[in-house]
N, C-alpha and C. Protein backbone atom coordinates (compact mmCIF):
# COMPACT_ATOMS: atom_id res chain seq x y z
N UNK A 1 70.10 -76.90 101.65
CA UNK A 1 71.00 -78.00 101.34
C UNK A 1 71.72 -78.49 102.60
N UNK A 2 72.08 -77.51 103.47
CA UNK A 2 72.78 -77.88 104.70
C UNK A 2 71.87 -78.70 105.61
N UNK A 3 70.57 -78.32 105.64
CA UNK A 3 69.62 -79.06 106.48
C UNK A 3 69.47 -80.49 105.98
N UNK A 4 69.40 -80.64 104.66
CA UNK A 4 69.26 -81.97 104.07
C UNK A 4 70.47 -82.82 104.41
N UNK A 5 71.65 -82.20 104.33
CA UNK A 5 72.89 -82.90 104.64
C UNK A 5 72.90 -83.32 106.11
N UNK A 6 72.47 -82.45 107.02
CA UNK A 6 72.43 -82.78 108.46
C UNK A 6 71.46 -83.92 108.73
N UNK A 7 70.28 -83.87 108.10
CA UNK A 7 69.29 -84.93 108.29
C UNK A 7 69.84 -86.26 107.77
N UNK A 8 70.48 -86.22 106.62
CA UNK A 8 71.05 -87.44 106.04
C UNK A 8 72.11 -88.04 106.95
N UNK A 9 72.98 -87.20 107.46
CA UNK A 9 74.04 -87.70 108.35
C UNK A 9 73.44 -88.25 109.64
N UNK A 10 72.41 -87.57 110.18
CA UNK A 10 71.76 -88.05 111.41
C UNK A 10 71.12 -89.41 111.19
N UNK A 11 70.45 -89.60 110.04
CA UNK A 11 69.85 -90.89 109.73
C UNK A 11 70.91 -91.98 109.63
N UNK A 12 72.01 -91.64 108.98
CA UNK A 12 73.10 -92.62 108.87
C UNK A 12 73.68 -92.97 110.23
N UNK A 13 73.78 -91.96 111.10
CA UNK A 13 74.30 -92.18 112.45
C UNK A 13 73.37 -93.11 113.23
N UNK A 14 72.04 -92.85 113.17
CA UNK A 14 71.07 -93.69 113.87
C UNK A 14 71.14 -95.11 113.34
N UNK A 15 71.21 -95.27 112.00
CA UNK A 15 71.30 -96.59 111.40
C UNK A 15 72.58 -97.29 111.83
N UNK A 16 73.66 -96.52 111.90
CA UNK A 16 74.95 -97.11 112.31
C UNK A 16 74.92 -97.55 113.77
N UNK A 17 74.27 -96.77 114.62
CA UNK A 17 74.20 -97.14 116.04
C UNK A 17 73.34 -98.38 116.22
N UNK A 18 72.26 -98.49 115.44
CA UNK A 18 71.42 -99.68 115.53
C UNK A 18 72.19 -100.91 115.07
N UNK A 19 73.03 -100.74 114.09
CA UNK A 19 73.80 -101.87 113.58
C UNK A 19 74.87 -102.29 114.57
N UNK A 20 75.31 -101.37 115.42
CA UNK A 20 76.35 -101.71 116.41
C UNK A 20 75.86 -102.78 117.37
N UNK A 21 74.58 -102.77 117.72
CA UNK A 21 74.06 -103.75 118.65
C UNK A 21 73.98 -105.12 118.02
N UNK A 22 73.84 -105.20 116.70
CA UNK A 22 73.69 -106.48 116.02
C UNK A 22 75.01 -107.18 115.88
N UNK A 23 76.04 -106.47 115.79
CA UNK A 23 77.34 -107.12 115.63
C UNK A 23 78.44 -106.11 115.84
N UNK A 24 79.59 -106.58 116.17
CA UNK A 24 80.72 -105.69 116.42
C UNK A 24 81.47 -105.42 115.12
N UNK A 25 81.78 -104.12 114.90
CA UNK A 25 82.58 -103.74 113.74
C UNK A 25 83.85 -103.12 114.27
N UNK A 26 84.91 -103.40 113.66
CA UNK A 26 86.18 -102.80 114.08
C UNK A 26 86.29 -101.40 113.49
N UNK A 27 87.15 -100.59 114.03
CA UNK A 27 87.33 -99.23 113.56
C UNK A 27 87.90 -99.21 112.14
N UNK A 28 88.50 -100.33 111.73
CA UNK A 28 89.04 -100.40 110.37
C UNK A 28 87.92 -100.50 109.34
N UNK A 29 86.71 -101.00 109.73
CA UNK A 29 85.59 -101.16 108.80
C UNK A 29 84.90 -99.83 108.51
N UNK A 30 85.09 -98.82 109.34
CA UNK A 30 84.42 -97.54 109.18
C UNK A 30 85.31 -96.60 108.38
N UNK A 31 84.67 -95.68 107.65
CA UNK A 31 85.47 -94.63 107.01
C UNK A 31 86.12 -93.80 108.10
N UNK A 32 87.24 -93.20 107.81
CA UNK A 32 88.01 -92.46 108.80
C UNK A 32 87.22 -91.33 109.47
N UNK A 33 86.37 -90.64 108.72
CA UNK A 33 85.68 -89.49 109.30
C UNK A 33 84.32 -89.84 109.87
N UNK A 34 84.02 -91.13 110.08
CA UNK A 34 82.71 -91.52 110.57
C UNK A 34 82.75 -92.08 111.99
N UNK A 35 83.74 -91.76 112.78
CA UNK A 35 83.76 -92.26 114.16
C UNK A 35 82.65 -91.53 114.93
N UNK A 36 81.98 -92.23 115.84
CA UNK A 36 80.82 -91.67 116.53
C UNK A 36 81.16 -90.45 117.37
N UNK A 37 82.40 -90.31 117.79
CA UNK A 37 82.77 -89.16 118.61
C UNK A 37 82.94 -87.89 117.77
N UNK A 38 82.98 -88.02 116.46
CA UNK A 38 83.23 -86.86 115.61
C UNK A 38 82.05 -86.49 114.71
N UNK A 39 80.81 -86.77 115.12
CA UNK A 39 79.65 -86.49 114.27
C UNK A 39 79.57 -84.99 113.96
N UNK A 40 79.74 -84.14 114.97
CA UNK A 40 79.70 -82.70 114.73
C UNK A 40 80.81 -82.26 113.80
N UNK A 41 81.98 -82.90 113.96
CA UNK A 41 83.09 -82.57 113.07
C UNK A 41 82.75 -82.92 111.62
N UNK A 42 82.09 -84.08 111.43
CA UNK A 42 81.70 -84.51 110.09
C UNK A 42 80.72 -83.51 109.48
N UNK A 43 79.72 -83.12 110.27
CA UNK A 43 78.72 -82.16 109.79
C UNK A 43 79.41 -80.85 109.41
N UNK A 44 80.25 -80.36 110.29
CA UNK A 44 80.96 -79.11 110.01
C UNK A 44 81.86 -79.25 108.78
N UNK A 45 82.52 -80.38 108.65
CA UNK A 45 83.41 -80.61 107.51
C UNK A 45 82.63 -80.61 106.19
N UNK A 46 81.48 -81.30 106.19
CA UNK A 46 80.65 -81.37 104.97
C UNK A 46 80.11 -79.99 104.62
N UNK A 47 79.70 -79.23 105.65
CA UNK A 47 79.18 -77.90 105.39
C UNK A 47 80.28 -76.99 104.86
N UNK A 48 81.49 -77.13 105.37
CA UNK A 48 82.62 -76.34 104.89
C UNK A 48 82.96 -76.69 103.44
N UNK A 49 82.92 -78.01 103.13
CA UNK A 49 83.18 -78.44 101.75
C UNK A 49 82.15 -77.85 100.79
N UNK A 50 80.89 -77.86 101.22
CA UNK A 50 79.81 -77.32 100.38
C UNK A 50 80.00 -75.82 100.18
N UNK A 51 80.33 -75.10 101.25
CA UNK A 51 80.57 -73.65 101.14
C UNK A 51 81.73 -73.37 100.20
N UNK A 52 82.78 -74.15 100.32
CA UNK A 52 83.96 -73.96 99.46
C UNK A 52 83.59 -74.23 98.00
N UNK A 53 82.81 -75.26 97.76
CA UNK A 53 82.38 -75.59 96.39
C UNK A 53 81.52 -74.48 95.82
N UNK A 54 80.59 -73.94 96.63
CA UNK A 54 79.74 -72.84 96.17
C UNK A 54 80.56 -71.60 95.87
N UNK A 55 81.56 -71.29 96.71
CA UNK A 55 82.41 -70.13 96.49
C UNK A 55 83.21 -70.29 95.21
N UNK A 56 83.77 -71.49 94.99
CA UNK A 56 84.54 -71.76 93.78
C UNK A 56 83.65 -71.65 92.55
N UNK A 57 82.44 -72.21 92.64
CA UNK A 57 81.51 -72.16 91.52
C UNK A 57 81.13 -70.72 91.19
N UNK A 58 80.85 -69.91 92.21
CA UNK A 58 80.49 -68.51 91.99
C UNK A 58 81.66 -67.76 91.37
N UNK A 59 82.87 -68.05 91.83
CA UNK A 59 84.06 -67.41 91.28
C UNK A 59 84.25 -67.77 89.81
N UNK A 60 84.04 -69.06 89.48
CA UNK A 60 84.18 -69.50 88.09
C UNK A 60 83.13 -68.84 87.21
N UNK A 61 81.87 -68.71 87.72
CA UNK A 61 80.81 -68.07 86.94
C UNK A 61 81.13 -66.60 86.69
N UNK A 62 81.69 -65.92 87.69
CA UNK A 62 82.06 -64.51 87.52
C UNK A 62 83.16 -64.38 86.48
N UNK A 63 84.17 -65.25 86.54
CA UNK A 63 85.25 -65.23 85.57
C UNK A 63 84.73 -65.50 84.17
N UNK A 64 83.82 -66.49 84.04
CA UNK A 64 83.25 -66.82 82.74
C UNK A 64 82.43 -65.67 82.19
N UNK A 65 81.63 -65.01 83.04
CA UNK A 65 80.82 -63.87 82.60
C UNK A 65 81.70 -62.73 82.12
N UNK A 66 82.80 -62.48 82.84
CA UNK A 66 83.73 -61.42 82.44
C UNK A 66 84.36 -61.74 81.09
N UNK A 67 84.73 -63.00 80.89
CA UNK A 67 85.33 -63.43 79.61
C UNK A 67 84.35 -63.26 78.47
N UNK A 68 83.09 -63.66 78.68
CA UNK A 68 82.07 -63.54 77.63
C UNK A 68 81.85 -62.07 77.29
N UNK A 69 81.77 -61.20 78.30
CA UNK A 69 81.56 -59.77 78.06
C UNK A 69 82.73 -59.18 77.28
N UNK A 70 83.95 -59.56 77.64
CA UNK A 70 85.14 -59.08 76.94
C UNK A 70 85.14 -59.55 75.50
N UNK A 71 84.80 -60.84 75.28
CA UNK A 71 84.74 -61.38 73.92
C UNK A 71 83.70 -60.67 73.09
N UNK A 72 82.55 -60.36 73.69
CA UNK A 72 81.47 -59.66 72.96
C UNK A 72 81.93 -58.27 72.58
N UNK A 73 82.64 -57.57 73.47
CA UNK A 73 83.14 -56.25 73.16
C UNK A 73 84.15 -56.31 72.04
N UNK A 74 85.08 -57.28 72.10
CA UNK A 74 86.06 -57.45 71.04
C UNK A 74 85.40 -57.77 69.72
N UNK A 75 84.39 -58.65 69.73
CA UNK A 75 83.70 -59.05 68.50
C UNK A 75 82.98 -57.86 67.89
N UNK A 76 82.36 -57.02 68.73
CA UNK A 76 81.66 -55.85 68.22
C UNK A 76 82.64 -54.89 67.56
N UNK A 77 83.80 -54.73 68.15
CA UNK A 77 84.80 -53.84 67.58
C UNK A 77 85.27 -54.34 66.22
N UNK A 78 85.31 -55.65 66.03
CA UNK A 78 85.78 -56.23 64.78
C UNK A 78 84.69 -56.28 63.72
N UNK A 79 83.42 -56.07 64.09
CA UNK A 79 82.32 -56.29 63.17
C UNK A 79 82.11 -55.16 62.16
N UNK A 80 82.64 -53.98 62.42
CA UNK A 80 82.46 -52.91 61.46
C UNK A 80 83.73 -52.75 60.64
N UNK A 81 83.54 -52.41 59.36
CA UNK A 81 84.70 -52.30 58.47
C UNK A 81 84.82 -50.91 57.86
N UNK A 82 84.03 -49.95 58.31
CA UNK A 82 84.10 -48.60 57.77
C UNK A 82 83.17 -47.67 58.50
N UNK A 83 83.03 -46.47 57.93
CA UNK A 83 82.15 -45.47 58.53
C UNK A 83 80.79 -45.55 57.86
N UNK A 84 79.71 -45.64 58.65
CA UNK A 84 78.37 -45.74 58.06
C UNK A 84 78.00 -44.49 57.26
N UNK A 85 77.25 -44.69 56.20
CA UNK A 85 76.75 -43.60 55.37
C UNK A 85 75.68 -42.85 56.18
N UNK A 86 75.86 -41.54 56.42
CA UNK A 86 74.88 -40.81 57.23
C UNK A 86 73.54 -40.61 56.51
N UNK A 87 73.48 -40.88 55.21
CA UNK A 87 72.25 -40.68 54.44
C UNK A 87 71.34 -41.90 54.44
N UNK A 88 71.74 -42.98 55.11
CA UNK A 88 70.93 -44.19 55.13
C UNK A 88 70.67 -44.62 56.57
N UNK A 89 69.59 -45.38 56.75
CA UNK A 89 69.25 -45.87 58.09
C UNK A 89 69.98 -47.16 58.44
N UNK A 90 70.11 -48.05 57.44
CA UNK A 90 70.78 -49.34 57.65
C UNK A 90 71.86 -49.48 56.58
N UNK A 91 73.12 -49.33 57.00
CA UNK A 91 74.24 -49.42 56.06
C UNK A 91 74.92 -50.77 56.21
N UNK A 92 74.56 -51.68 55.33
CA UNK A 92 75.12 -53.04 55.38
C UNK A 92 76.53 -53.08 54.83
N UNK A 93 76.97 -52.03 54.15
CA UNK A 93 78.30 -52.04 53.52
C UNK A 93 79.43 -51.89 54.51
N UNK A 94 79.15 -51.45 55.74
CA UNK A 94 80.21 -51.24 56.72
C UNK A 94 80.29 -52.36 57.75
N UNK A 95 79.44 -53.38 57.61
CA UNK A 95 79.44 -54.49 58.55
C UNK A 95 80.29 -55.64 58.03
N UNK A 96 80.83 -56.42 58.95
CA UNK A 96 81.58 -57.61 58.55
C UNK A 96 80.60 -58.59 57.91
N UNK A 97 81.14 -59.59 57.23
CA UNK A 97 80.28 -60.56 56.54
C UNK A 97 79.37 -61.30 57.50
N UNK A 98 79.82 -61.55 58.73
CA UNK A 98 78.99 -62.22 59.72
C UNK A 98 77.83 -61.32 60.15
N UNK A 99 78.14 -60.07 60.45
CA UNK A 99 77.11 -59.14 60.92
C UNK A 99 76.13 -58.77 59.81
N UNK A 100 76.61 -58.60 58.58
CA UNK A 100 75.69 -58.23 57.51
C UNK A 100 74.72 -59.37 57.23
N UNK A 101 75.22 -60.60 57.29
CA UNK A 101 74.33 -61.74 57.07
C UNK A 101 73.29 -61.82 58.19
N UNK A 102 73.69 -61.54 59.42
CA UNK A 102 72.76 -61.55 60.55
C UNK A 102 71.71 -60.46 60.39
N UNK A 103 72.13 -59.28 59.96
CA UNK A 103 71.20 -58.16 59.78
C UNK A 103 70.19 -58.48 58.67
N UNK A 104 70.68 -59.06 57.58
CA UNK A 104 69.77 -59.42 56.47
C UNK A 104 68.80 -60.50 56.93
N UNK A 105 69.27 -61.44 57.73
CA UNK A 105 68.38 -62.47 58.28
C UNK A 105 67.27 -61.81 59.09
N UNK A 106 67.63 -60.82 59.93
CA UNK A 106 66.62 -60.10 60.71
C UNK A 106 65.63 -59.37 59.80
N UNK A 107 66.14 -58.81 58.72
CA UNK A 107 65.27 -58.10 57.78
C UNK A 107 64.26 -59.06 57.15
N UNK A 108 64.68 -60.28 56.89
CA UNK A 108 63.78 -61.26 56.27
C UNK A 108 62.77 -61.83 57.27
N UNK A 109 63.18 -62.00 58.51
CA UNK A 109 62.30 -62.61 59.50
C UNK A 109 61.41 -61.61 60.23
N UNK A 110 61.85 -60.34 60.30
CA UNK A 110 61.06 -59.31 60.96
C UNK A 110 61.02 -58.06 60.09
N UNK A 111 60.45 -58.18 58.89
CA UNK A 111 60.49 -57.05 57.95
C UNK A 111 59.78 -55.80 58.43
N UNK A 112 58.77 -55.93 59.29
CA UNK A 112 58.03 -54.75 59.75
C UNK A 112 58.93 -53.77 60.51
N UNK A 113 60.04 -54.26 61.08
CA UNK A 113 60.98 -53.39 61.79
C UNK A 113 61.77 -52.50 60.84
N UNK A 114 61.79 -52.83 59.55
CA UNK A 114 62.64 -52.13 58.59
C UNK A 114 61.84 -51.34 57.54
N UNK A 115 60.53 -51.53 57.45
CA UNK A 115 59.73 -50.87 56.42
C UNK A 115 59.90 -49.36 56.51
N UNK A 116 60.21 -48.75 55.36
CA UNK A 116 60.40 -47.30 55.27
C UNK A 116 61.81 -46.85 55.54
N UNK A 117 62.70 -47.74 55.95
CA UNK A 117 64.09 -47.36 56.22
C UNK A 117 64.91 -47.43 54.93
N UNK A 118 65.84 -46.51 54.79
CA UNK A 118 66.75 -46.51 53.65
C UNK A 118 67.88 -47.49 53.95
N UNK A 119 68.11 -48.42 53.02
CA UNK A 119 69.10 -49.48 53.20
C UNK A 119 70.15 -49.39 52.10
N UNK A 120 71.39 -49.59 52.48
CA UNK A 120 72.51 -49.62 51.53
C UNK A 120 73.20 -50.96 51.65
N UNK A 121 73.44 -51.60 50.51
CA UNK A 121 74.10 -52.91 50.54
C UNK A 121 74.94 -53.09 49.29
N UNK A 122 75.85 -54.06 49.35
CA UNK A 122 76.63 -54.39 48.16
C UNK A 122 76.83 -55.89 48.10
N UNK A 123 77.05 -56.38 46.89
CA UNK A 123 77.25 -57.80 46.65
C UNK A 123 77.00 -58.10 45.18
N UNK A 124 77.07 -59.36 44.81
CA UNK A 124 76.83 -59.72 43.40
C UNK A 124 75.34 -59.61 43.05
N UNK A 125 75.07 -59.19 41.83
CA UNK A 125 73.70 -59.07 41.35
C UNK A 125 73.18 -60.44 40.92
N UNK A 126 71.89 -60.63 41.10
CA UNK A 126 71.22 -61.86 40.67
C UNK A 126 69.90 -61.46 40.03
N UNK A 127 69.40 -62.31 39.13
CA UNK A 127 68.11 -62.01 38.51
C UNK A 127 67.34 -63.29 38.25
N UNK A 128 66.03 -63.11 38.12
CA UNK A 128 65.14 -64.23 37.80
C UNK A 128 64.03 -63.70 36.91
N UNK A 129 63.73 -64.43 35.85
CA UNK A 129 62.65 -64.05 34.95
C UNK A 129 61.55 -65.09 35.05
N UNK A 130 60.37 -64.65 35.50
CA UNK A 130 59.21 -65.54 35.57
C UNK A 130 58.52 -65.47 34.21
N UNK A 131 58.69 -66.51 33.44
CA UNK A 131 58.16 -66.51 32.06
C UNK A 131 56.64 -66.49 32.03
N UNK A 132 55.99 -67.09 33.02
CA UNK A 132 54.53 -67.13 33.04
C UNK A 132 53.94 -65.72 33.15
N UNK A 133 54.55 -64.89 34.02
CA UNK A 133 54.04 -63.53 34.20
C UNK A 133 54.86 -62.50 33.44
N UNK A 134 55.97 -62.95 32.83
CA UNK A 134 56.92 -62.08 32.13
C UNK A 134 57.44 -60.98 33.05
N UNK A 135 57.63 -61.34 34.33
CA UNK A 135 58.12 -60.38 35.31
C UNK A 135 59.57 -60.71 35.67
N UNK A 136 60.38 -59.64 35.81
CA UNK A 136 61.78 -59.77 36.20
C UNK A 136 61.94 -59.44 37.68
N UNK A 137 62.82 -60.18 38.32
CA UNK A 137 63.17 -59.92 39.72
C UNK A 137 64.68 -59.77 39.78
N UNK A 138 65.17 -58.73 40.44
CA UNK A 138 66.60 -58.51 40.62
C UNK A 138 66.90 -58.42 42.11
N UNK A 139 68.06 -58.92 42.49
CA UNK A 139 68.43 -58.92 43.91
C UNK A 139 69.93 -58.69 44.06
N UNK A 140 70.30 -58.23 45.23
CA UNK A 140 71.70 -58.12 45.63
C UNK A 140 71.92 -59.24 46.64
N UNK A 141 72.93 -60.07 46.41
CA UNK A 141 73.17 -61.25 47.23
C UNK A 141 74.17 -60.94 48.34
N UNK A 142 73.82 -61.32 49.55
CA UNK A 142 74.69 -61.17 50.72
C UNK A 142 75.14 -62.56 51.15
N UNK A 143 76.45 -62.74 51.35
CA UNK A 143 76.97 -64.05 51.78
C UNK A 143 77.48 -63.95 53.20
N UNK A 144 77.47 -65.10 53.90
CA UNK A 144 77.99 -65.10 55.27
C UNK A 144 79.51 -65.18 55.22
N UNK A 145 80.13 -65.24 56.42
CA UNK A 145 81.59 -65.21 56.53
C UNK A 145 82.27 -66.35 55.80
N UNK A 146 81.64 -67.52 55.74
CA UNK A 146 82.27 -68.68 55.09
C UNK A 146 81.86 -68.80 53.63
N UNK A 147 81.01 -67.89 53.16
CA UNK A 147 80.53 -67.87 51.77
C UNK A 147 79.77 -69.14 51.41
N UNK A 148 79.26 -69.85 52.41
CA UNK A 148 78.51 -71.07 52.11
C UNK A 148 77.01 -70.81 52.08
N UNK A 149 76.57 -69.76 52.74
CA UNK A 149 75.14 -69.45 52.79
C UNK A 149 74.95 -68.05 52.21
N UNK A 150 73.84 -67.84 51.56
CA UNK A 150 73.59 -66.52 51.01
C UNK A 150 72.13 -66.16 51.15
N UNK A 151 71.89 -64.87 51.15
CA UNK A 151 70.54 -64.33 51.27
C UNK A 151 70.49 -63.13 50.34
N UNK A 152 69.41 -62.98 49.63
CA UNK A 152 69.30 -61.86 48.70
C UNK A 152 68.18 -60.93 49.07
N UNK A 153 68.35 -59.66 48.74
CA UNK A 153 67.29 -58.68 48.89
C UNK A 153 66.98 -58.13 47.51
N UNK A 154 65.72 -58.22 47.14
CA UNK A 154 65.31 -57.69 45.84
C UNK A 154 65.43 -56.18 45.83
N UNK A 155 65.52 -55.64 44.62
CA UNK A 155 65.49 -54.19 44.48
C UNK A 155 64.81 -53.83 43.16
N UNK A 156 64.21 -52.65 43.14
CA UNK A 156 63.57 -52.11 41.94
C UNK A 156 64.20 -50.74 41.70
N UNK A 157 64.91 -50.61 40.60
CA UNK A 157 65.57 -49.34 40.30
C UNK A 157 64.54 -48.27 39.95
N UNK A 158 64.78 -47.07 40.47
CA UNK A 158 63.88 -45.94 40.22
C UNK A 158 63.96 -45.54 38.75
N UNK A 159 62.80 -45.43 38.10
CA UNK A 159 62.72 -44.95 36.73
C UNK A 159 63.22 -45.91 35.66
N UNK A 160 63.45 -47.17 36.01
CA UNK A 160 63.93 -48.14 35.02
C UNK A 160 62.99 -49.32 34.95
N UNK A 161 62.72 -49.78 33.74
CA UNK A 161 61.88 -50.95 33.55
C UNK A 161 62.79 -52.15 33.28
N UNK A 162 62.68 -53.16 34.10
CA UNK A 162 63.55 -54.34 33.98
C UNK A 162 63.28 -55.03 32.64
N UNK A 163 64.28 -55.59 32.03
CA UNK A 163 65.66 -55.72 32.49
C UNK A 163 66.59 -54.61 32.01
N UNK A 164 66.07 -53.64 31.25
CA UNK A 164 66.92 -52.57 30.71
C UNK A 164 67.48 -51.71 31.84
N UNK A 165 68.79 -51.50 31.80
CA UNK A 165 69.45 -50.65 32.78
C UNK A 165 69.78 -51.35 34.08
N UNK A 166 69.44 -52.62 34.18
CA UNK A 166 69.76 -53.38 35.39
C UNK A 166 71.12 -54.06 35.23
N UNK A 167 71.81 -54.36 36.34
CA UNK A 167 73.15 -54.97 36.26
C UNK A 167 73.10 -56.41 35.74
N UNK A 168 74.24 -56.86 35.23
CA UNK A 168 74.39 -58.23 34.76
C UNK A 168 74.51 -59.17 35.97
N UNK A 169 74.09 -60.41 35.80
CA UNK A 169 74.20 -61.42 36.86
C UNK A 169 75.67 -61.59 37.24
N UNK A 170 75.95 -61.56 38.54
CA UNK A 170 77.31 -61.73 39.05
C UNK A 170 78.08 -60.44 39.18
N UNK A 171 77.60 -59.36 38.60
CA UNK A 171 78.28 -58.06 38.70
C UNK A 171 78.21 -57.55 40.13
N UNK A 172 79.34 -57.07 40.66
CA UNK A 172 79.36 -56.49 42.01
C UNK A 172 78.67 -55.14 41.97
N UNK A 173 77.68 -54.97 42.83
CA UNK A 173 76.91 -53.73 42.82
C UNK A 173 76.77 -53.17 44.23
N UNK A 174 76.44 -51.90 44.30
CA UNK A 174 76.06 -51.24 45.55
C UNK A 174 74.69 -50.64 45.30
N UNK A 175 73.73 -50.96 46.15
CA UNK A 175 72.34 -50.53 45.96
C UNK A 175 71.87 -49.77 47.19
N UNK A 176 71.15 -48.66 46.96
CA UNK A 176 70.53 -47.89 48.03
C UNK A 176 69.05 -47.76 47.68
N UNK A 177 68.17 -48.14 48.61
CA UNK A 177 66.74 -48.03 48.36
C UNK A 177 65.95 -48.07 49.65
N UNK A 178 64.65 -47.87 49.54
CA UNK A 178 63.75 -47.86 50.69
C UNK A 178 63.15 -49.25 50.88
N UNK A 179 63.33 -49.81 52.07
CA UNK A 179 62.87 -51.17 52.36
C UNK A 179 61.36 -51.21 52.41
N UNK A 180 60.79 -52.24 51.77
CA UNK A 180 59.35 -52.41 51.74
C UNK A 180 59.03 -53.90 51.56
N UNK A 181 57.79 -54.26 51.73
CA UNK A 181 57.34 -55.64 51.48
C UNK A 181 56.16 -55.61 50.51
N UNK A 182 55.93 -56.74 49.87
CA UNK A 182 54.77 -56.88 49.00
C UNK A 182 54.31 -58.33 49.04
N UNK A 183 53.03 -58.49 48.70
CA UNK A 183 52.44 -59.84 48.67
C UNK A 183 52.37 -60.32 47.23
N UNK A 184 52.68 -61.59 47.06
CA UNK A 184 52.49 -62.25 45.78
C UNK A 184 51.92 -63.61 46.09
N UNK A 185 50.69 -63.82 45.75
CA UNK A 185 50.00 -65.03 46.18
C UNK A 185 49.82 -64.97 47.68
N UNK A 186 50.22 -66.02 48.37
CA UNK A 186 50.13 -66.05 49.83
C UNK A 186 51.43 -65.66 50.51
N UNK A 187 52.46 -65.35 49.73
CA UNK A 187 53.78 -65.09 50.28
C UNK A 187 54.09 -63.60 50.36
N UNK A 188 54.84 -63.23 51.39
CA UNK A 188 55.32 -61.86 51.56
C UNK A 188 56.79 -61.82 51.15
N UNK A 189 57.15 -60.82 50.34
CA UNK A 189 58.52 -60.67 49.87
C UNK A 189 59.04 -59.30 50.26
N UNK A 190 60.36 -59.20 50.40
CA UNK A 190 61.01 -57.94 50.74
C UNK A 190 61.67 -57.37 49.51
N UNK A 191 61.69 -56.05 49.42
CA UNK A 191 62.33 -55.38 48.28
C UNK A 191 62.81 -54.00 48.70
N UNK A 192 63.75 -53.46 47.93
CA UNK A 192 64.17 -52.07 48.07
C UNK A 192 63.53 -51.30 46.93
N UNK A 193 62.64 -50.38 47.26
CA UNK A 193 61.95 -49.58 46.23
C UNK A 193 62.71 -48.30 45.94
N UNK A 194 62.48 -47.76 44.72
CA UNK A 194 63.14 -46.53 44.28
C UNK A 194 64.66 -46.61 44.49
N UNK A 195 65.22 -47.76 44.18
CA UNK A 195 66.64 -48.01 44.42
C UNK A 195 67.52 -47.34 43.37
N UNK A 196 68.72 -47.08 43.77
CA UNK A 196 69.73 -46.53 42.88
C UNK A 196 71.01 -47.33 43.04
N UNK A 197 71.74 -47.47 41.94
CA UNK A 197 73.02 -48.15 42.00
C UNK A 197 74.08 -47.11 42.38
N UNK A 198 74.92 -47.46 43.34
CA UNK A 198 75.93 -46.51 43.80
C UNK A 198 77.31 -46.88 43.36
C-alpha cells in the first residue's frame, strides 16, 4: 500500500511540474501540504497516517474480539437452568429456551449425530391421528425464547399402544427415550423410542 501511495504521489508531482510550465499558479491555488519542497514530507506524512489508521483498526478489532468472547462466555453461563441428568446423553430440560430450540433444530437437521442417544425433554404434548392408516403420532413440543416458533420430537411410549396411556394434548410432560429415525414414504422422521414419561 505504501508503494502504491508513493507511486501515486510521484505521478501527481510529475503532472504538477509539467503543468507549471504551461502557466503560473500561485501558492494559494495549491493545497498546503503539496509544495514542491516538501514532497518527502508529504510521503512521510501519508505513510504515518496510514500506519496510525492500521494501528487504530487493529486495536478496535482486538477490543471487538474481546467483547464478543466475553459476551459468548456470559451467554453460555446463562444458557443452563439446572443440573443435567447423569442418566441421559442429551438433557434438554436444563437448557434455556434459546439453547433447547437450537439443540432440537440440530437434532432435526443432523439426526445421525444423535441416533442411539438417550434424550430427555419437556414441553406440551401434541398428537396427530392419520385416519387413512389409523396411526397415532405423539410429540413433545419445544418452543423458542419468544414462543413464536416451535419444533416437536415424536415419541413412542414403551409397552403402550397409542392412544391409550398417552398424555392429553397440551398437557405438560417430561419424556425420556432413545433417539432414532424412521422412513415413511420418501421422508425421514425423528422419534424417541422406548420412551417413558417422567
